[in-house]
Every structure is written in C-alpha cells, then in structure tokens.
Amino acid sequence: MEVNYQAIGKRIRKIRKSKKIAQEKLAEITDYSVTHISHIETGSAKASIEAILKVSAALGCTPNDILCDSMAGAKETFLNQITEKLVDCTEFEIRVISDVVNATKQSLRSRKNFFEN
C-alpha cells in the first residue's frame, strides 16, 4: 500500500481551516516551522508519525481523521464523518439525502458490475 501524502496534507489543511486555525498557530502549537506545516499540507514533505500525532492533537482530531484515506478499514471513520454532517438536518433533508445515497449506491453497483464483465 502506498501512502498518499498529498491527500493527508489536504485533509490536515481542511481540518485546520474548519477550526479557523492559521498555519502560524498550528506551527506554534506543534513546535514546527510554518514552512514545514505548509510542506506537509501540500504533500511536498512526508508527514512523520510524530508529526501526524502532534498535528492531530493540536487540531483536536484523531490521527484516523487525518489518515483515513491511507488506511485499510477506514469505513468507520467515514461513517462517523457522514453522521456528523447529518446531525443538524431536518427530517425532510434526511429523506432527500437518503434518496440521493440510495440512487448513488445503485448507480455505483450497476457500473461496477458492468465493468467487471
């Protein structure tokens, strides 16, 4: 399995921005330089295990939140992320989202079967 450092960096940046934390502040908390944080976020530097642990602690998330695309068995992490996004939805919104999910799932499975044959 190959680690996608660009995907990890994008996820770190997305989480950081969602929490309204500047790169400078993240660098200060983690004791890394702003340049190093920037390089991690762009994927031009490989984030070490130590860096991922420090960054996740600083951002108040789990390492799984950062690594989920790079892990086998990340299904639970993605299900948790979906659930978090749906918590504030109305019943009507949930019904529409459910319809979209069902249609997407059906389309994906029919295309998968098409390409496998």
C-alpha atoms as a PDB file:
ATOM      1  CA  MET A   1       0.000   0.000   0.000  1.00  0.00           C
ATOM      2  CA  GLU A   2       1.309   3.409  -0.961  1.00  0.00           C
ATOM      3  CA  VAL A   3       0.775   6.401   1.321  1.00  0.00           C
ATOM      4  CA  ASN A   4      -0.744   9.435  -0.397  1.00  0.00           C
ATOM      5  CA  TYR A   5       0.946  12.337   1.397  1.00  0.00           C
ATOM      6  CA  GLN A   6      -0.905  14.921  -0.700  1.00  0.00           C
ATOM      7  CA  ALA A   7      -4.259  13.523   0.473  1.00  0.00           C
ATOM      8  CA  ILE A   8      -3.021  13.583   4.082  1.00  0.00           C
ATOM      9  CA  GLY A   9      -1.887  17.182   3.667  1.00  0.00           C
ATOM     10  CA  LYS A  10      -5.199  18.230   2.116  1.00  0.00           C
ATOM     11  CA  ARG A  11      -7.074  16.633   4.983  1.00  0.00           C
ATOM     12  CA  ILE A  12      -4.896  18.426   7.559  1.00  0.00           C
ATOM     13  CA  ARG A  13      -5.480  21.725   5.795  1.00  0.00           C
ATOM     14  CA  LYS A  14      -9.239  21.133   5.590  1.00  0.00           C
ATOM     15  CA  ILE A  15      -9.471  20.290   9.296  1.00  0.00           C
ATOM     16  CA  ARG A  16      -7.247  23.241  10.237  1.00  0.00           C
ATOM     17  CA  LYS A  17      -9.350  25.673   8.202  1.00  0.00           C
ATOM     18  CA  SER A  18     -12.623  24.261   9.523  1.00  0.00           C
ATOM     19  CA  LYS A  19     -11.365  25.030  13.035  1.00  0.00           C
ATOM     20  CA  LYS A  20     -10.204  28.502  11.923  1.00  0.00           C
ATOM     21  CA  ILE A  21      -6.589  27.867  12.946  1.00  0.00           C
ATOM     22  CA  ALA A  22      -3.888  29.671  10.980  1.00  0.00           C
ATOM     23  CA  GLN A  23      -0.791  27.813   9.808  1.00  0.00           C
ATOM     24  CA  GLU A  24       1.230  30.072  12.093  1.00  0.00           C
ATOM     25  CA  LYS A  25      -0.808  28.999  15.118  1.00  0.00           C
ATOM     26  CA  LEU A  26      -0.574  25.305  14.190  1.00  0.00           C
ATOM     27  CA  ALA A  27       3.188  25.698  13.762  1.00  0.00           C
ATOM     28  CA  GLU A  28       3.432  27.347  17.177  1.00  0.00           C
ATOM     29  CA  ILE A  29       1.390  24.631  18.906  1.00  0.00           C
ATOM     30  CA  THR A  30       3.263  21.749  17.258  1.00  0.00           C
ATOM     31  CA  ASP A  31       6.690  23.356  17.506  1.00  0.00           C
ATOM     32  CA  TYR A  32       7.214  23.050  13.739  1.00  0.00           C
ATOM     33  CA  SER A  33       8.034  25.884  11.367  1.00  0.00           C
ATOM     34  CA  VAL A  34       5.306  27.461   9.250  1.00  0.00           C
ATOM     35  CA  THR A  35       7.258  26.291   6.192  1.00  0.00           C
ATOM     36  CA  HIS A  36       7.201  22.683   7.424  1.00  0.00           C
ATOM     37  CA  ILE A  37       3.436  22.847   8.097  1.00  0.00           C
ATOM     38  CA  SER A  38       2.942  24.276   4.611  1.00  0.00           C
ATOM     39  CA  HIS A  39       5.043  21.500   3.083  1.00  0.00           C
ATOM     40  CA  ILE A  40       3.068  18.848   4.963  1.00  0.00           C
ATOM     41  CA  GLU A  41      -0.214  20.385   3.776  1.00  0.00           C
ATOM     42  CA  THR A  42       0.915  20.425   0.138  1.00  0.00           C
ATOM     43  CA  GLY A  43       2.367  16.932   0.350  1.00  0.00           C
ATOM     44  CA  SER A  44       5.842  18.100  -0.596  1.00  0.00           C
ATOM     45  CA  ALA A  45       7.083  16.860   2.800  1.00  0.00           C
ATOM     46  CA  LYS A  46       6.228  13.434   4.158  1.00  0.00           C
ATOM     47  CA  ALA A  47       4.478  13.759   7.487  1.00  0.00           C
ATOM     48  CA  SER A  48       6.132  11.547  10.088  1.00  0.00           C
ATOM     49  CA  ILE A  49       4.098   9.583  12.608  1.00  0.00           C
ATOM     50  CA  GLU A  50       5.229  12.069  15.245  1.00  0.00           C
ATOM     51  CA  ALA A  51       4.050  14.993  13.090  1.00  0.00           C
ATOM     52  CA  ILE A  52       0.659  13.377  12.473  1.00  0.00           C
ATOM     53  CA  LEU A  53       0.224  12.770  16.206  1.00  0.00           C
ATOM     54  CA  LYS A  54       1.230  16.345  17.099  1.00  0.00           C
ATOM     55  CA  VAL A  55      -0.946  17.880  14.387  1.00  0.00           C
ATOM     56  CA  SER A  56      -3.982  15.767  15.261  1.00  0.00           C
ATOM     57  CA  ALA A  57      -3.641  16.691  18.943  1.00  0.00           C
ATOM     58  CA  ALA A  58      -3.271  20.373  18.052  1.00  0.00           C
ATOM     59  CA  LEU A  59      -6.335  20.245  15.802  1.00  0.00           C
ATOM     60  CA  GLY A  60      -8.418  18.300  18.311  1.00  0.00           C
ATOM     61  CA  CYS A  61      -9.000  15.390  15.952  1.00  0.00           C
ATOM     62  CA  THR A  62      -7.835  11.805  15.801  1.00  0.00           C
ATOM     63  CA  PRO A  63      -4.962  10.503  13.664  1.00  0.00           C
ATOM     64  CA  ASN A  64      -7.652   8.435  11.885  1.00  0.00           C
ATOM     65  CA  ASP A  65      -9.298  11.667  10.740  1.00  0.00           C
ATOM     66  CA  ILE A  66      -6.026  12.603   9.047  1.00  0.00           C
ATOM     67  CA  LEU A  67      -5.080   9.167   7.740  1.00  0.00           C
ATOM     68  CA  CYS A  68      -8.480   7.749   6.784  1.00  0.00           C
ATOM     69  CA  ASP A  69      -7.844   7.571   3.016  1.00  0.00           C
ATOM     70  CA  SER A  70      -4.472   5.953   3.663  1.00  0.00           C
ATOM     71  CA  MET A  71      -5.776   3.232   5.970  1.00  0.00           C
ATOM     72  CA  ALA A  72      -7.302  -0.094   5.256  1.00  0.00           C
ATOM     73  CA  GLY A  73     -10.589  -0.400   7.105  1.00  0.00           C
ATOM     74  CA  ALA A  74     -11.351   3.316   7.243  1.00  0.00           C
ATOM     75  CA  LYS A  75     -15.070   2.646   6.824  1.00  0.00           C
ATOM     76  CA  GLU A  76     -15.880   3.529  10.444  1.00  0.00           C
ATOM     77  CA  THR A  77     -14.103   6.885  10.169  1.00  0.00           C
ATOM     78  CA  PHE A  78     -16.058   7.779   7.034  1.00  0.00           C
ATOM     79  CA  LEU A  79     -19.353   6.660   8.580  1.00  0.00           C
ATOM     80  CA  ASN A  80     -18.637   8.879  11.599  1.00  0.00           C
ATOM     81  CA  GLN A  81     -17.887  11.832   9.326  1.00  0.00           C
ATOM     82  CA  ILE A  82     -21.151  11.309   7.439  1.00  0.00           C
ATOM     83  CA  THR A  83     -23.098  11.050  10.702  1.00  0.00           C
ATOM     84  CA  GLU A  84     -21.560  14.304  11.982  1.00  0.00           C
ATOM     85  CA  LYS A  85     -22.664  16.090   8.814  1.00  0.00           C
ATOM     86  CA  LEU A  86     -26.264  14.866   9.214  1.00  0.00           C
ATOM     87  CA  VAL A  87     -26.818  15.702  12.890  1.00  0.00           C
ATOM     88  CA  ASP A  88     -28.370  19.127  12.263  1.00  0.00           C
ATOM     89  CA  CYS A  89     -30.501  18.087   9.256  1.00  0.00           C
ATOM     90  CA  THR A  90     -34.272  18.282   9.272  1.00  0.00           C
ATOM     91  CA  GLU A  91     -36.364  15.180   8.644  1.00  0.00           C
ATOM     92  CA  PHE A  92     -37.037  16.390   5.099  1.00  0.00           C
ATOM     93  CA  GLU A  93     -33.310  16.895   4.429  1.00  0.00           C
ATOM     94  CA  ILE A  94     -32.530  13.412   5.765  1.00  0.00           C
ATOM     95  CA  ARG A  95     -35.145  11.889   3.446  1.00  0.00           C
ATOM     96  CA  VAL A  96     -33.708  13.672   0.406  1.00  0.00           C
ATOM     97  CA  ILE A  97     -30.146  12.724   1.359  1.00  0.00           C
ATOM     98  CA  SER A  98     -31.267   9.129   1.846  1.00  0.00           C
ATOM     99  CA  ASP A  99     -32.772   9.127  -1.669  1.00  0.00           C
ATOM    100  CA  VAL A 100     -29.530  10.513  -3.110  1.00  0.00           C
ATOM    101  CA  VAL A 101     -27.438   7.922  -1.250  1.00  0.00           C
ATOM    102  CA  ASN A 102     -29.662   5.079  -2.441  1.00  0.00           C
ATOM    103  CA  ALA A 103     -29.536   6.269  -6.062  1.00  0.00           C
ATOM    104  CA  THR A 104     -25.755   6.762  -5.905  1.00  0.00           C
ATOM    105  CA  LYS A 105     -25.221   3.336  -4.362  1.00  0.00           C
ATOM    106  CA  GLN A 106     -27.397   1.675  -7.009  1.00  0.00           C
ATOM    107  CA  SER A 107     -25.564   3.512  -9.802  1.00  0.00           C
ATOM    108  CA  LEU A 108     -22.133   2.608  -8.427  1.00  0.00           C
ATOM    109  CA  ARG A 109     -23.028  -1.053  -8.079  1.00  0.00           C
ATOM    110  CA  SER A 110     -24.532  -1.294 -11.564  1.00  0.00           C
ATOM    111  CA  ARG A 111     -21.467   0.358 -13.113  1.00  0.00           C
ATOM    112  CA  LYS A 112     -19.137  -1.869 -11.104  1.00  0.00           C
ATOM    113  CA  ASN A 113     -20.919  -4.947 -12.419  1.00  0.00           C
ATOM    114  CA  PHE A 114     -20.763  -3.540 -15.960  1.00  0.00           C
ATOM    115  CA  PHE A 115     -17.006  -3.002 -15.800  1.00  0.00           C
ATOM    116  CA  GLU A 116     -16.334  -6.374 -14.142  1.00  0.00           C
ATOM    117  CA  ASN A 117     -17.969  -8.293 -17.020  1.00  0.00           C
END
